[in-house]
Protein backbone atom coordinates (compact mmCIF):
# COMPACT_ATOMS: atom_id res chain seq x y z
CA MET A 1 123.16 84.56 95.99
CA SER A 2 120.71 81.93 96.75
CA ILE A 3 117.34 81.13 95.43
CA LEU A 4 115.15 78.52 97.02
CA GLY A 5 112.00 76.65 95.66
CA VAL A 6 109.80 75.80 98.79
CA ILE A 7 106.69 74.29 99.32
CA VAL A 8 104.79 75.65 102.32
CA ARG A 9 101.93 73.53 103.82
CA CYS A 10 99.22 74.85 106.18
CA ARG A 11 95.64 73.99 107.36
CA MET A 12 92.85 75.34 104.96
CA ALA A 13 91.61 77.41 107.85
CA ASP A 14 94.98 79.29 107.97
CA LEU A 15 95.36 79.79 104.37
CA ALA A 16 94.72 83.42 104.00
CA THR A 17 96.66 84.18 107.20
CA VAL A 18 99.82 82.42 105.90
CA GLU A 19 99.32 84.00 102.37
CA GLN A 20 99.31 87.47 104.00
CA ALA A 21 102.35 86.74 105.96
CA LEU A 22 104.19 85.43 102.95
CA ARG A 23 103.56 88.40 100.95
CA ARG A 24 104.98 90.63 103.71
CA LEU A 25 108.32 88.96 103.59
CA PRO A 26 110.98 90.71 101.39
CA GLY A 27 112.38 88.36 98.77
CA VAL A 28 109.46 85.88 98.83
CA ASP A 29 107.32 85.19 95.63
CA ILE A 30 104.27 83.15 95.72
CA ALA A 31 103.39 81.01 92.56
CA GLU A 32 99.80 81.71 91.44
CA ARG A 33 97.32 78.94 91.91
CA PRO A 34 94.34 78.27 89.58
CA THR A 35 91.18 80.00 90.81
CA GLY A 36 89.25 77.62 93.17
CA GLN A 37 92.04 75.23 93.72
CA ALA A 38 93.30 75.64 97.30
CA ASP A 39 94.89 72.75 99.13
CA GLY A 40 96.74 74.35 102.03
CA ARG A 41 100.01 74.33 99.87
CA PHE A 42 101.99 77.38 98.71
CA VAL A 43 104.67 77.12 96.02
CA ILE A 44 107.11 79.90 96.70
CA VAL A 45 110.46 81.19 95.71
CA ILE A 46 112.75 82.73 98.14
CA GLU A 47 115.79 84.96 97.22
CA ASP A 48 118.50 86.45 99.49
CA THR A 49 117.88 90.19 100.31
CA PRO A 50 120.49 92.61 101.43
CA ASP A 51 119.22 92.12 105.06
CA ARG A 52 118.69 88.41 105.15
CA ALA A 53 119.58 84.93 103.76
CA ALA A 54 116.80 83.11 101.93
CA ALA A 55 117.53 80.21 104.08
CA ALA A 56 116.77 82.28 107.13
CA SER A 57 113.33 83.24 105.83
CA MET A 58 112.55 79.61 105.02
CA ALA A 59 113.63 78.64 108.64
CA GLU A 60 111.43 81.33 110.01
CA MET A 61 108.35 80.21 108.21
CA ALA A 62 108.79 76.82 109.57
CA LEU A 63 108.31 78.08 113.06
CA TRP A 64 105.06 79.97 112.37
CA PRO A 65 102.26 78.07 114.30
CA GLN A 66 100.06 78.10 111.32
CA VAL A 67 102.64 76.27 109.18
CA LEU A 68 102.52 72.48 109.25
CA ASN A 69 105.63 71.90 107.27
CA THR A 70 108.00 73.62 104.74
CA SER A 71 109.83 71.56 101.97
CA LEU A 72 112.78 72.66 100.11
CA VAL A 73 112.31 71.35 96.52
CA TYR A 74 115.04 73.58 94.65
CA GLU A 75 118.19 75.44 95.62
CA TYR A 76 120.43 77.56 93.65
CA SER A 77 123.76 78.95 95.08
CA GLY A 78 125.68 80.95 92.64
CA PRO A 79 129.26 81.88 92.60
CA ASP A 80 128.33 84.98 94.69
CA ALA A 81 126.83 82.89 97.56
CA PRO A 82 126.73 83.23 100.41
CA SER A 83 125.98 86.95 99.80
CA GLN A 84 128.35 89.29 101.55
CA THR A 85 125.49 91.70 102.58
CA THR A 86 123.25 89.23 104.46
CA PRO A 87 123.70 88.68 108.28
CA VAL A 88 124.49 84.99 108.01
CA GLU A 89 128.15 84.51 108.80
CA GLN A 90 128.28 80.86 107.89
CA TYR A 91 125.97 78.57 106.09
CA THR A 92 125.02 76.65 109.05
CA ASP A 93 123.95 79.93 111.28
CA TRP A 94 120.37 79.61 110.27
CA ARG A 95 120.32 76.09 111.21
CA SER A 96 121.68 76.40 114.74
CA SER A 97 118.71 77.67 116.53
CA LEU A 98 115.18 78.20 115.03
CA ALA A 99 114.19 79.51 118.26
CA ASP A 100 116.82 82.31 118.18
CA LEU A 101 116.00 83.14 114.68
CA ALA A 102 112.24 83.54 115.64
CA ARG A 103 113.12 85.84 118.39
CA ARG A 104 115.15 88.08 116.07
CA HIS A 105 112.72 88.12 113.36
CA ASP A 106 109.23 87.82 114.92
CA THR A 107 106.91 88.05 111.90
CA ALA A 108 104.81 85.19 112.59
CA PRO A 109 101.33 85.57 111.35
CA LYS A 110 98.72 86.89 113.94
CA ARG A 111 95.32 85.47 114.29
């Protein structure tokens, strides 16, 4: 099992679109922000799901046109990582081609 702490940065104009897309992804939790304080950043936690590795979800977000960058700030990989039920065969699979990942999991936010 893997748990990732990630900062996702986007333009203020894309804040609502990116938030909706993040909320649709399984295994993603968004940290709540104080009311009225938005600066284009989301602090999120991503966990492995039975269908997908957390790292693959993070890599997919990095390809969304509305996302300026993603920053990994915390990683936990327990003794059960990598999960035997996720489609990642080796830890580098998700890194080999972000474009391939985007084609397999096209959930980019729509404008």
